[in-house]
Amino acid sequence: MSDTASTADDPYRLPRAVVPTRYELTLEPDLASATFRGHGRVEIDILEPTNRIVCNAVELDVTAAWLEGPDGQRVDAEVILLDEETERLTVEVAAVVSGSGWSFHTNFDGTLNDK
């Protein structure tokens, strides 16, 4: 995602080239092991051509990520990076994409805790 001057000046502000419009989360807790698995699907509009999605995330192990286009095209992640300091997930996909009607998918694992 292209970073504007305002996001470069503030490392805690998300880039504005990708705009979420709807969130769906599925969580499957395993109480015996105090863990959970999950899947996220976020409908997004991509305002500027990009191959990078940046979102807020903390204490997750993202095991897979991909984009799905309005025509059903799937674009898989090539890089998945969680920055613990800024609590951001950066996903770089295999193609530059833009436009409306995209879905951003993630599979992740986490630990149940009191935070």
PDB file of N, CA and C in Angstrom:
ATOM      1  N   MET A   1       0.846  -1.147   0.000  1.00  0.00           N
ATOM      2  CA  MET A   1       0.000   0.000   0.000  1.00  0.00           C
ATOM      3  C   MET A   1       0.898   1.218   0.000  1.00  0.00           C
ATOM      4  N   SER A   2       0.552   2.210  -0.748  1.00  0.00           N
ATOM      5  CA  SER A   2       1.392   3.402  -0.760  1.00  0.00           C
ATOM      6  C   SER A   2       1.149   4.199   0.503  1.00  0.00           C
ATOM      7  N   ASP A   3       2.230   4.595   1.149  1.00  0.00           N
ATOM      8  CA  ASP A   3       2.125   5.373   2.375  1.00  0.00           C
ATOM      9  C   ASP A   3       2.147   6.848   2.028  1.00  0.00           C
ATOM     10  N   THR A   4       1.224   7.610   2.586  1.00  0.00           N
ATOM     11  CA  THR A   4       1.223   9.049   2.396  1.00  0.00           C
ATOM     12  C   THR A   4       2.098   9.684   3.458  1.00  0.00           C
ATOM     13  N   ALA A   5       2.371  10.977   3.318  1.00  0.00           N
ATOM     14  CA  ALA A   5       3.231  11.667   4.289  1.00  0.00           C
ATOM     15  C   ALA A   5       2.670  11.565   5.699  1.00  0.00           C
ATOM     16  N   SER A   6       1.349  11.628   5.844  1.00  0.00           N
ATOM     17  CA  SER A   6       0.774  11.584   7.186  1.00  0.00           C
ATOM     18  C   SER A   6       1.003  10.234   7.855  1.00  0.00           C
ATOM     19  N   THR A   7       0.948   9.138   7.099  1.00  0.00           N
ATOM     20  CA  THR A   7       1.192   7.836   7.705  1.00  0.00           C
ATOM     21  C   THR A   7       2.672   7.608   7.939  1.00  0.00           C
ATOM     22  N   ALA A   8       3.524   8.203   7.115  1.00  0.00           N
ATOM     23  CA  ALA A   8       4.968   8.076   7.323  1.00  0.00           C
ATOM     24  C   ALA A   8       5.389   8.816   8.581  1.00  0.00           C
ATOM     25  N   ASP A   9       4.729   9.931   8.887  1.00  0.00           N
ATOM     26  CA  ASP A   9       5.043  10.712  10.077  1.00  0.00           C
ATOM     27  C   ASP A   9       4.519  10.062  11.351  1.00  0.00           C
ATOM     28  N   ASP A  10       3.463   9.292  11.251  1.00  0.00           N
ATOM     29  CA  ASP A  10       2.835   8.653  12.399  1.00  0.00           C
ATOM     30  C   ASP A  10       2.797   7.144  12.169  1.00  0.00           C
ATOM     31  N   PRO A  11       3.749   6.407  12.754  1.00  0.00           N
ATOM     32  CA  PRO A  11       3.807   4.966  12.487  1.00  0.00           C
ATOM     33  C   PRO A  11       2.615   4.194  13.028  1.00  0.00           C
ATOM     34  N   TYR A  12       1.736   4.816  13.805  1.00  0.00           N
ATOM     35  CA  TYR A  12       0.575   4.122  14.348  1.00  0.00           C
ATOM     36  C   TYR A  12      -0.693   4.408  13.555  1.00  0.00           C
ATOM     37  N   ARG A  13      -0.590   5.212  12.507  1.00  0.00           N
ATOM     38  CA  ARG A  13      -1.739   5.505  11.654  1.00  0.00           C
ATOM     39  C   ARG A  13      -1.681   4.599  10.424  1.00  0.00           C
ATOM     40  N   LEU A  14      -2.795   3.947  10.128  1.00  0.00           N
ATOM     41  CA  LEU A  14      -2.833   3.044   8.988  1.00  0.00           C
ATOM     42  C   LEU A  14      -2.862   3.824   7.677  1.00  0.00           C
ATOM     43  N   PRO A  15      -2.241   3.271   6.632  1.00  0.00           N
ATOM     44  CA  PRO A  15      -2.355   3.889   5.307  1.00  0.00           C
ATOM     45  C   PRO A  15      -3.829   3.950   4.893  1.00  0.00           C
ATOM     46  N   ARG A  16      -4.162   4.898   4.052  1.00  0.00           N
ATOM     47  CA  ARG A  16      -5.570   5.109   3.684  1.00  0.00           C
ATOM     48  C   ARG A  16      -5.923   4.616   2.299  1.00  0.00           C
ATOM     49  N   ALA A  17      -5.030   3.890   1.647  1.00  0.00           N
ATOM     50  CA  ALA A  17      -5.286   3.408   0.285  1.00  0.00           C
ATOM     51  C   ALA A  17      -6.255   2.230   0.259  1.00  0.00           C
ATOM     52  N   VAL A  18      -6.396   1.513   1.383  1.00  0.00           N
ATOM     53  CA  VAL A  18      -7.316   0.381   1.482  1.00  0.00           C
ATOM     54  C   VAL A  18      -8.322   0.700   2.585  1.00  0.00           C
ATOM     55  N   VAL A  19      -9.610   0.649   2.221  1.00  0.00           N
ATOM     56  CA  VAL A  19     -10.671   1.035   3.156  1.00  0.00           C
ATOM     57  C   VAL A  19     -11.581  -0.165   3.430  1.00  0.00           C
ATOM     58  N   PRO A  20     -11.671  -0.588   4.703  1.00  0.00           N
ATOM     59  CA  PRO A  20     -12.576  -1.702   5.029  1.00  0.00           C
ATOM     60  C   PRO A  20     -14.027  -1.226   5.009  1.00  0.00           C
ATOM     61  N   THR A  21     -14.926  -2.100   4.527  1.00  0.00           N
ATOM     62  CA  THR A  21     -16.349  -1.753   4.493  1.00  0.00           C
ATOM     63  C   THR A  21     -17.208  -2.731   5.289  1.00  0.00           C
ATOM     64  N   ARG A  22     -16.687  -3.933   5.563  1.00  0.00           N
ATOM     65  CA  ARG A  22     -17.443  -4.925   6.334  1.00  0.00           C
ATOM     66  C   ARG A  22     -16.485  -5.967   6.881  1.00  0.00           C
ATOM     67  N   TYR A  23     -16.707  -6.388   8.125  1.00  0.00           N
ATOM     68  CA  TYR A  23     -15.859  -7.380   8.790  1.00  0.00           C
ATOM     69  C   TYR A  23     -16.673  -8.623   9.128  1.00  0.00           C
ATOM     70  N   GLU A  24     -16.065  -9.809   8.915  1.00  0.00           N
ATOM     71  CA  GLU A  24     -16.621 -11.078   9.382  1.00  0.00           C
ATOM     72  C   GLU A  24     -15.504 -11.838  10.072  1.00  0.00           C
ATOM     73  N   LEU A  25     -15.721 -12.238  11.311  1.00  0.00           N
ATOM     74  CA  LEU A  25     -14.722 -13.001  12.058  1.00  0.00           C
ATOM     75  C   LEU A  25     -15.346 -14.293  12.564  1.00  0.00           C
ATOM     76  N   THR A  26     -14.608 -15.376  12.436  1.00  0.00           N
ATOM     77  CA  THR A  26     -15.007 -16.666  12.980  1.00  0.00           C
ATOM     78  C   THR A  26     -13.908 -17.108  13.932  1.00  0.00           C
ATOM     79  N   LEU A  27     -14.271 -17.384  15.187  1.00  0.00           N
ATOM     80  CA  LEU A  27     -13.308 -17.829  16.198  1.00  0.00           C
ATOM     81  C   LEU A  27     -13.717 -19.208  16.705  1.00  0.00           C
ATOM     82  N   GLU A  28     -12.726 -20.098  16.847  1.00  0.00           N
ATOM     83  CA  GLU A  28     -12.945 -21.443  17.369  1.00  0.00           C
ATOM     84  C   GLU A  28     -12.052 -21.638  18.585  1.00  0.00           C
ATOM     85  N   PRO A  29     -12.592 -21.412  19.796  1.00  0.00           N
ATOM     86  CA  PRO A  29     -11.758 -21.554  20.992  1.00  0.00           C
ATOM     87  C   PRO A  29     -11.516 -23.012  21.350  1.00  0.00           C
ATOM     88  N   ASP A  30     -10.337 -23.265  21.915  1.00  0.00           N
ATOM     89  CA  ASP A  30      -9.981 -24.554  22.500  1.00  0.00           C
ATOM     90  C   ASP A  30      -9.690 -24.253  23.968  1.00  0.00           C
ATOM     91  N   LEU A  31     -10.702 -24.399  24.798  1.00  0.00           N
ATOM     92  CA  LEU A  31     -10.575 -24.001  26.199  1.00  0.00           C
ATOM     93  C   LEU A  31      -9.551 -24.845  26.947  1.00  0.00           C
ATOM     94  N   ALA A  32      -9.415 -26.105  26.586  1.00  0.00           N
ATOM     95  CA  ALA A  32      -8.461 -26.974  27.279  1.00  0.00           C
ATOM     96  C   ALA A  32      -7.025 -26.498  27.097  1.00  0.00           C
ATOM     97  N   SER A  33      -6.705 -25.966  25.926  1.00  0.00           N
ATOM     98  CA  SER A  33      -5.337 -25.499  25.685  1.00  0.00           C
ATOM     99  C   SER A  33      -5.214 -23.984  25.758  1.00  0.00           C
ATOM    100  N   ALA A  34      -6.320 -23.283  26.060  1.00  0.00           N
ATOM    101  CA  ALA A  34      -6.355 -21.818  26.159  1.00  0.00           C
ATOM    102  C   ALA A  34      -5.847 -21.159  24.871  1.00  0.00           C
ATOM    103  N   THR A  35      -6.293 -21.709  23.731  1.00  0.00           N
ATOM    104  CA  THR A  35      -5.931 -21.150  22.434  1.00  0.00           C
ATOM    105  C   THR A  35      -7.187 -20.992  21.587  1.00  0.00           C
ATOM    106  N   PHE A  36      -7.019 -20.374  20.434  1.00  0.00           N
ATOM    107  CA  PHE A  36      -8.120 -20.280  19.485  1.00  0.00           C
ATOM    108  C   PHE A  36      -7.563 -20.243  18.069  1.00  0.00           C
ATOM    109  N   ARG A  37      -8.412 -20.627  17.140  1.00  0.00           N
ATOM    110  CA  ARG A  37      -8.144 -20.492  15.715  1.00  0.00           C
ATOM    111  C   ARG A  37      -9.196 -19.542  15.179  1.00  0.00           C
ATOM    112  N   GLY A  38      -8.857 -18.865  14.107  1.00  0.00           N
ATOM    113  CA  GLY A  38      -9.834 -17.958  13.545  1.00  0.00           C
ATOM    114  C   GLY A  38      -9.645 -17.723  12.066  1.00  0.00           C
ATOM    115  N   HIS A  39     -10.682 -17.159  11.487  1.00  0.00           N
ATOM    116  CA  HIS A  39     -10.655 -16.732  10.091  1.00  0.00           C
ATOM    117  C   HIS A  39     -11.309 -15.353  10.029  1.00  0.00           C
ATOM    118  N   GLY A  40     -10.652 -14.451   9.340  1.00  0.00           N
ATOM    119  CA  GLY A  40     -11.201 -13.126   9.122  1.00  0.00           C
ATOM    120  C   GLY A  40     -11.463 -12.905   7.647  1.00  0.00           C
ATOM    121  N   ARG A  41     -12.569 -12.274   7.352  1.00  0.00           N
ATOM    122  CA  ARG A  41     -12.892 -11.855   5.985  1.00  0.00           C
ATOM    123  C   ARG A  41     -13.321 -10.402   6.083  1.00  0.00           C
ATOM    124  N   VAL A  42     -12.576  -9.529   5.431  1.00  0.00           N
ATOM    125  CA  VAL A  42     -12.873  -8.106   5.467  1.00  0.00           C
ATOM    126  C   VAL A  42     -13.117  -7.647   4.038  1.00  0.00           C
ATOM    127  N   GLU A  43     -14.291  -7.112   3.790  1.00  0.00           N
ATOM    128  CA  GLU A  43     -14.569  -6.529   2.481  1.00  0.00           C
ATOM    129  C   GLU A  43     -13.864  -5.186   2.429  1.00  0.00           C
ATOM    130  N   ILE A  44     -13.142  -4.940   1.327  1.00  0.00           N
ATOM    131  CA  ILE A  44     -12.340  -3.726   1.221  1.00  0.00           C
ATOM    132  C   ILE A  44     -12.503  -3.083  -0.153  1.00  0.00           C
ATOM    133  N   ASP A  45     -12.310  -1.773  -0.170  1.00  0.00           N
ATOM    134  CA  ASP A  45     -12.164  -1.014  -1.398  1.00  0.00           C
ATOM    135  C   ASP A  45     -10.708  -0.578  -1.459  1.00  0.00           C
ATOM    136  N   ILE A  46     -10.071  -0.790  -2.593  1.00  0.00           N
ATOM    137  CA  ILE A  46      -8.661  -0.457  -2.759  1.00  0.00           C
ATOM    138  C   ILE A  46      -8.595   0.794  -3.630  1.00  0.00           C
ATOM    139  N   LEU A  47      -8.294   1.931  -3.001  1.00  0.00           N
ATOM    140  CA  LEU A  47      -8.378   3.232  -3.650  1.00  0.00           C
ATOM    141  C   LEU A  47      -7.181   3.558  -4.536  1.00  0.00           C
ATOM    142  N   GLU A  48      -6.039   2.936  -4.265  1.00  0.00           N
ATOM    143  CA  GLU A  48      -4.823   3.138  -5.055  1.00  0.00           C
ATOM    144  C   GLU A  48      -4.237   1.761  -5.366  1.00  0.00           C
ATOM    145  N   PRO A  49      -3.719   1.549  -6.576  1.00  0.00           N
ATOM    146  CA  PRO A  49      -3.116   0.246  -6.888  1.00  0.00           C
ATOM    147  C   PRO A  49      -2.035  -0.107  -5.863  1.00  0.00           C
ATOM    148  N   THR A  50      -2.086  -1.342  -5.376  1.00  0.00           N
ATOM    149  CA  THR A  50      -1.147  -1.780  -4.339  1.00  0.00           C
ATOM    150  C   THR A  50      -1.029  -3.293  -4.327  1.00  0.00           C
ATOM    151  N   ASN A  51       0.025  -3.776  -3.721  1.00  0.00           N
ATOM    152  CA  ASN A  51       0.155  -5.205  -3.446  1.00  0.00           C
ATOM    153  C   ASN A  51       0.312  -5.427  -1.936  1.00  0.00           C
ATOM    154  N   ARG A  52       0.032  -4.385  -1.137  1.00  0.00           N
ATOM    155  CA  ARG A  52       0.253  -4.446   0.306  1.00  0.00           C
ATOM    156  C   ARG A  52      -1.009  -4.045   1.076  1.00  0.00           C
ATOM    157  N   ILE A  53      -1.346  -4.868   2.063  1.00  0.00           N
ATOM    158  CA  ILE A  53      -2.452  -4.583   2.983  1.00  0.00           C
ATOM    159  C   ILE A  53      -1.844  -4.443   4.369  1.00  0.00           C
ATOM    160  N   VAL A  54      -2.179  -3.361   5.071  1.00  0.00           N
ATOM    161  CA  VAL A  54      -1.689  -3.125   6.427  1.00  0.00           C
ATOM    162  C   VAL A  54      -2.907  -2.975   7.329  1.00  0.00           C
ATOM    163  N   CYS A  55      -2.922  -3.709   8.437  1.00  0.00           N
ATOM    164  CA  CYS A  55      -4.047  -3.610   9.371  1.00  0.00           C
ATOM    165  C   CYS A  55      -3.540  -3.780  10.803  1.00  0.00           C
ATOM    166  N   ASN A  56      -4.385  -3.468  11.748  1.00  0.00           N
ATOM    167  CA  ASN A  56      -4.047  -3.631  13.159  1.00  0.00           C
ATOM    168  C   ASN A  56      -4.181  -5.102  13.544  1.00  0.00           C
ATOM    169  N   ALA A  57      -3.221  -5.592  14.293  1.00  0.00           N
ATOM    170  CA  ALA A  57      -3.256  -6.968  14.793  1.00  0.00           C
ATOM    171  C   ALA A  57      -2.284  -7.067  15.958  1.00  0.00           C
ATOM    172  N   VAL A  58      -2.650  -7.865  16.946  1.00  0.00           N
ATOM    173  CA  VAL A  58      -1.770  -8.047  18.095  1.00  0.00           C
ATOM    174  C   VAL A  58      -1.900  -9.484  18.594  1.00  0.00           C
ATOM    175  N   GLU A  59      -0.767 -10.068  18.951  1.00  0.00           N
ATOM    176  CA  GLU A  59      -0.704 -11.401  19.540  1.00  0.00           C
ATOM    177  C   GLU A  59      -1.418 -12.467  18.716  1.00  0.00           C
ATOM    178  N   LEU A  60      -1.222 -12.420  17.394  1.00  0.00           N
ATOM    179  CA  LEU A  60      -1.786 -13.433  16.515  1.00  0.00           C
ATOM    180  C   LEU A  60      -0.670 -14.070  15.702  1.00  0.00           C
ATOM    181  N   ASP A  61      -0.855 -15.329  15.370  1.00  0.00           N
ATOM    182  CA  ASP A  61       0.026 -16.008  14.434  1.00  0.00           C
ATOM    183  C   ASP A  61      -0.793 -16.194  13.158  1.00  0.00           C
ATOM    184  N   VAL A  62      -0.555 -15.329  12.182  1.00  0.00           N
ATOM    185  CA  VAL A  62      -1.305 -15.388  10.933  1.00  0.00           C
ATOM    186  C   VAL A  62      -0.668 -16.478  10.069  1.00  0.00           C
ATOM    187  N   THR A  63      -1.441 -17.517   9.796  1.00  0.00           N
ATOM    188  CA  THR A  63      -0.923 -18.680   9.091  1.00  0.00           C
ATOM    189  C   THR A  63      -1.179 -18.635   7.593  1.00  0.00           C
ATOM    190  N   ALA A  64      -2.120 -17.816   7.152  1.00  0.00           N
ATOM    191  CA  ALA A  64      -2.409 -17.678   5.726  1.00  0.00           C
ATOM    192  C   ALA A  64      -3.138 -16.359   5.504  1.00  0.00           C
ATOM    193  N   ALA A  65      -2.933 -15.789   4.324  1.00  0.00           N
ATOM    194  CA  ALA A  65      -3.643 -14.565   3.944  1.00  0.00           C
ATOM    195  C   ALA A  65      -3.762 -14.526   2.428  1.00  0.00           C
ATOM    196  N   TRP A  66      -4.854 -13.948   1.950  1.00  0.00           N
ATOM    197  CA  TRP A  66      -5.061 -13.806   0.517  1.00  0.00           C
ATOM    198  C   TRP A  66      -6.156 -12.779   0.251  1.00  0.00           C
ATOM    199  N   LEU A  67      -6.180 -12.307  -0.969  1.00  0.00           N
ATOM    200  CA  LEU A  67      -7.244 -11.435  -1.450  1.00  0.00           C
ATOM    201  C   LEU A  67      -8.113 -12.222  -2.413  1.00  0.00           C
ATOM    202  N   GLU A  68      -9.396 -11.895  -2.416  1.00  0.00           N
ATOM    203  CA  GLU A  68     -10.311 -12.466  -3.393  1.00  0.00           C
ATOM    204  C   GLU A  68     -11.002 -11.310  -4.094  1.00  0.00           C
ATOM    205  N   GLY A  69     -10.905 -11.298  -5.416  1.00  0.00           N
ATOM    206  CA  GLY A  69     -11.468 -10.208  -6.203  1.00  0.00           C
ATOM    207  C   GLY A  69     -12.948 -10.369  -6.442  1.00  0.00           C
ATOM    208  N   PRO A  70     -13.586  -9.319  -6.961  1.00  0.00           N
ATOM    209  CA  PRO A  70     -15.021  -9.378  -7.232  1.00  0.00           C
ATOM    210  C   PRO A  70     -15.386 -10.451  -8.257  1.00  0.00           C
ATOM    211  N   ASP A  71     -14.415 -10.856  -9.077  1.00  0.00           N
ATOM    212  CA  ASP A  71     -14.641 -11.898 -10.079  1.00  0.00           C
ATOM    213  C   ASP A  71     -14.241 -13.287  -9.578  1.00  0.00           C
ATOM    214  N   GLY A  72     -13.863 -13.394  -8.284  1.00  0.00           N
ATOM    215  CA  GLY A  72     -13.457 -14.671  -7.701  1.00  0.00           C
ATOM    216  C   GLY A  72     -11.970 -14.944  -7.799  1.00  0.00           C
ATOM    217  N   GLN A  73     -11.228 -14.056  -8.452  1.00  0.00           N
ATOM    218  CA  GLN A  73      -9.773 -14.216  -8.568  1.00  0.00           C
ATOM    219  C   GLN A  73      -9.147 -14.225  -7.179  1.00  0.00           C
ATOM    220  N   ARG A  74      -8.257 -15.192  -6.940  1.00  0.00           N
ATOM    221  CA  ARG A  74      -7.551 -15.274  -5.660  1.00  0.00           C
ATOM    222  C   ARG A  74      -6.104 -14.841  -5.865  1.00  0.00           C
ATOM    223  N   VAL A  75      -5.638 -13.958  -4.975  1.00  0.00           N
ATOM    224  CA  VAL A  75      -4.255 -13.494  -5.011  1.00  0.00           C
ATOM    225  C   VAL A  75      -3.653 -13.805  -3.648  1.00  0.00           C
ATOM    226  N   ASP A  76      -2.728 -14.765  -3.606  1.00  0.00           N
ATOM    227  CA  ASP A  76      -2.155 -15.234  -2.349  1.00  0.00           C
ATOM    228  C   ASP A  76      -1.067 -14.311  -1.818  1.00  0.00           C
ATOM    229  N   ALA A  77      -0.894 -14.354  -0.503  1.00  0.00           N
ATOM    230  CA  ALA A  77       0.159 -13.587   0.157  1.00  0.00           C
ATOM    231  C   ALA A  77       1.516 -14.189  -0.148  1.00  0.00           C
ATOM    232  N   GLU A  78       2.485 -13.323  -0.382  1.00  0.00           N
ATOM    233  CA  GLU A  78       3.874 -13.747  -0.515  1.00  0.00           C
ATOM    234  C   GLU A  78       4.654 -13.448   0.760  1.00  0.00           C
ATOM    235  N   VAL A  79       4.226 -12.412   1.488  1.00  0.00           N
ATOM    236  CA  VAL A  79       4.877 -12.013   2.743  1.00  0.00           C
ATOM    237  C   VAL A  79       3.786 -11.734   3.768  1.00  0.00           C
ATOM    238  N   ILE A  80       3.960 -12.286   4.973  1.00  0.00           N
ATOM    239  CA  ILE A  80       3.078 -12.009   6.109  1.00  0.00           C
ATOM    240  C   ILE A  80       3.982 -11.614   7.262  1.00  0.00           C
ATOM    241  N   LEU A  81       3.850 -10.376   7.732  1.00  0.00           N
ATOM    242  CA  LEU A  81       4.751  -9.868   8.764  1.00  0.00           C
ATOM    243  C   LEU A  81       3.950  -9.166   9.858  1.00  0.00           C
ATOM    244  N   LEU A  82       4.129  -9.613  11.101  1.00  0.00           N
ATOM    245  CA  LEU A  82       3.500  -8.963  12.243  1.00  0.00           C
ATOM    246  C   LEU A  82       4.559  -8.166  12.988  1.00  0.00           C
ATOM    247  N   ASP A  83       4.357  -6.858  13.090  1.00  0.00           N
ATOM    248  CA  ASP A  83       5.254  -5.978  13.833  1.00  0.00           C
ATOM    249  C   ASP A  83       4.662  -5.818  15.231  1.00  0.00           C
ATOM    250  N   GLU A  84       5.281  -6.466  16.213  1.00  0.00           N
ATOM    251  CA  GLU A  84       4.740  -6.447  17.573  1.00  0.00           C
ATOM    252  C   GLU A  84       4.782  -5.051  18.189  1.00  0.00           C
ATOM    253  N   GLU A  85       5.779  -4.241  17.839  1.00  0.00           N
ATOM    254  CA  GLU A  85       5.900  -2.899  18.421  1.00  0.00           C
ATOM    255  C   GLU A  85       4.743  -1.994  18.003  1.00  0.00           C
ATOM    256  N   THR A  86       4.413  -1.981  16.720  1.00  0.00           N
ATOM    257  CA  THR A  86       3.323  -1.116  16.243  1.00  0.00           C
ATOM    258  C   THR A  86       1.982  -1.843  16.217  1.00  0.00           C
ATOM    259  N   GLU A  87       1.992  -3.154  16.515  1.00  0.00           N
ATOM    260  CA  GLU A  87       0.785  -3.978  16.507  1.00  0.00           C
ATOM    261  C   GLU A  87       0.107  -3.933  15.141  1.00  0.00           C
ATOM    262  N   ARG A  88       0.934  -4.084  14.093  1.00  0.00           N
ATOM    263  CA  ARG A  88       0.442  -4.055  12.726  1.00  0.00           C
ATOM    264  C   ARG A  88       0.802  -5.329  11.981  1.00  0.00           C
ATOM    265  N   LEU A  89      -0.126  -5.750  11.154  1.00  0.00           N
ATOM    266  CA  LEU A  89       0.085  -6.858  10.249  1.00  0.00           C
ATOM    267  C   LEU A  89       0.254  -6.283   8.849  1.00  0.00           C
ATOM    268  N   THR A  90       1.333  -6.660   8.174  1.00  0.00           N
ATOM    269  CA  THR A  90       1.548  -6.261   6.788  1.00  0.00           C
ATOM    270  C   THR A  90       1.546  -7.517   5.937  1.00  0.00           C
ATOM    271  N   VAL A  91       0.711  -7.511   4.915  1.00  0.00           N
ATOM    272  CA  VAL A  91       0.608  -8.634   3.989  1.00  0.00           C
ATOM    273  C   VAL A  91       0.899  -8.110   2.591  1.00  0.00           C
ATOM    274  N   GLU A  92       1.874  -8.723   1.941  1.00  0.00           N
ATOM    275  CA  GLU A  92       2.168  -8.403   0.554  1.00  0.00           C
ATOM    276  C   GLU A  92       1.697  -9.564  -0.303  1.00  0.00           C
ATOM    277  N   VAL A  93       0.864  -9.246  -1.302  1.00  0.00           N
ATOM    278  CA  VAL A  93       0.294 -10.271  -2.168  1.00  0.00           C
ATOM    279  C   VAL A  93       1.047 -10.329  -3.499  1.00  0.00           C
ATOM    280  N   ALA A  94       0.751 -11.349  -4.288  1.00  0.00           N
ATOM    281  CA  ALA A  94       1.509 -11.667  -5.492  1.00  0.00           C
ATOM    282  C   ALA A  94       1.204 -10.772  -6.690  1.00  0.00           C
ATOM    283  N   ALA A  95       0.257  -9.841  -6.578  1.00  0.00           N
ATOM    284  CA  ALA A  95      -0.080  -8.969  -7.702  1.00  0.00           C
ATOM    285  C   ALA A  95      -0.534  -7.611  -7.190  1.00  0.00           C
ATOM    286  N   VAL A  96      -0.401  -6.604  -8.022  1.00  0.00           N
ATOM    287  CA  VAL A  96      -0.930  -5.278  -7.705  1.00  0.00           C
ATOM    288  C   VAL A  96      -2.419  -5.288  -8.048  1.00  0.00           C
ATOM    289  N   VAL A  97      -3.234  -4.823  -7.105  1.00  0.00           N
ATOM    290  CA  VAL A  97      -4.685  -4.845  -7.265  1.00  0.00           C
ATOM    291  C   VAL A  97      -5.259  -3.468  -6.966  1.00  0.00           C
ATOM    292  N   SER A  98      -6.493  -3.232  -7.418  1.00  0.00           N
ATOM    293  CA  SER A  98      -7.195  -1.988  -7.097  1.00  0.00           C
ATOM    294  C   SER A  98      -8.676  -2.175  -7.388  1.00  0.00           C
ATOM    295  N   GLY A  99      -9.473  -1.247  -6.884  1.00  0.00           N
ATOM    296  CA  GLY A  99     -10.906  -1.239  -7.154  1.00  0.00           C
ATOM    297  C   GLY A  99     -11.741  -1.698  -5.975  1.00  0.00           C
ATOM    298  N   SER A 100     -13.027  -1.775  -6.215  1.00  0.00           N
ATOM    299  CA  SER A 100     -13.998  -2.155  -5.182  1.00  0.00           C
ATOM    300  C   SER A 100     -14.324  -3.635  -5.264  1.00  0.00           C
ATOM    301  N   GLY A 101     -14.908  -4.141  -4.190  1.00  0.00           N
ATOM    302  CA  GLY A 101     -15.420  -5.500  -4.186  1.00  0.00           C
ATOM    303  C   GLY A 101     -14.418  -6.583  -3.839  1.00  0.00           C
ATOM    304  N   TRP A 102     -13.271  -6.214  -3.290  1.00  0.00           N
ATOM    305  CA  TRP A 102     -12.272  -7.196  -2.865  1.00  0.00           C
ATOM    306  C   TRP A 102     -12.580  -7.684  -1.457  1.00  0.00           C
ATOM    307  N   SER A 103     -12.120  -8.891  -1.136  1.00  0.00           N
ATOM    308  CA  SER A 103     -12.184  -9.431   0.226  1.00  0.00           C
ATOM    309  C   SER A 103     -10.771  -9.813   0.651  1.00  0.00           C
ATOM    310  N   PHE A 104     -10.412  -9.423   1.873  1.00  0.00           N
ATOM    311  CA  PHE A 104      -9.116  -9.746   2.461  1.00  0.00           C
ATOM    312  C   PHE A 104      -9.349 -10.844   3.484  1.00  0.00           C
ATOM    313  N   HIS A 105      -8.701 -12.005   3.291  1.00  0.00           N
ATOM    314  CA  HIS A 105      -8.898 -13.173   4.144  1.00  0.00           C
ATOM    315  C   HIS A 105      -7.634 -13.448   4.959  1.00  0.00           C
ATOM    316  N   THR A 106      -7.823 -13.844   6.209  1.00  0.00           N
ATOM    317  CA  THR A 106      -6.709 -14.288   7.042  1.00  0.00           C
ATOM    318  C   THR A 106      -7.145 -15.506   7.857  1.00  0.00           C
ATOM    319  N   ASN A 107      -6.219 -16.431   8.024  1.00  0.00           N
ATOM    320  CA  ASN A 107      -6.364 -17.520   8.987  1.00  0.00           C
ATOM    321  C   ASN A 107      -5.328 -17.257  10.068  1.00  0.00           C
ATOM    322  N   PHE A 108      -5.714 -17.453  11.315  1.00  0.00           N
ATOM    323  CA  PHE A 108      -4.803 -17.113  12.402  1.00  0.00           C
ATOM    324  C   PHE A 108      -5.044 -17.986  13.617  1.00  0.00           C
ATOM    325  N   ASP A 109      -4.019 -18.034  14.474  1.00  0.00           N
ATOM    326  CA  ASP A 109      -4.081 -18.724  15.766  1.00  0.00           C
ATOM    327  C   ASP A 109      -3.728 -17.708  16.842  1.00  0.00           C
ATOM    328  N   GLY A 110      -4.227 -17.948  18.043  1.00  0.00           N
ATOM    329  CA  GLY A 110      -3.914 -17.053  19.154  1.00  0.00           C
ATOM    330  C   GLY A 110      -4.064 -17.748  20.491  1.00  0.00           C
ATOM    331  N   THR A 111      -3.711 -17.029  21.534  1.00  0.00           N
ATOM    332  CA  THR A 111      -3.801 -17.534  22.897  1.00  0.00           C
ATOM    333  C   THR A 111      -4.909 -16.800  23.630  1.00  0.00           C
ATOM    334  N   LEU A 112      -5.755 -17.559  24.320  1.00  0.00           N
ATOM    335  CA  LEU A 112      -6.774 -16.931  25.171  1.00  0.00           C
ATOM    336  C   LEU A 112      -6.078 -16.389  26.416  1.00  0.00           C
ATOM    337  N   ASN A 113      -6.307 -15.122  26.703  1.00  0.00           N
ATOM    338  CA  ASN A 113      -5.704 -14.514  27.886  1.00  0.00           C
ATOM    339  C   ASN A 113      -6.625 -13.428  28.409  1.00  0.00           C
ATOM    340  N   ASP A 114      -6.207 -12.720  29.427  1.00  0.00           N
ATOM    341  CA  ASP A 114      -7.066 -11.696  30.039  1.00  0.00           C
ATOM    342  C   ASP A 114      -6.736 -10.288  29.568  1.00  0.00           C
ATOM    343  N   LYS A 115      -6.046 -10.156  28.443  1.00  0.00           N
ATOM    344  CA  LYS A 115      -5.703  -8.831  27.911  1.00  0.00           C
ATOM    345  C   LYS A 115      -6.805  -8.277  27.059  1.00  0.00           C
TER     346      LYS A 115
END
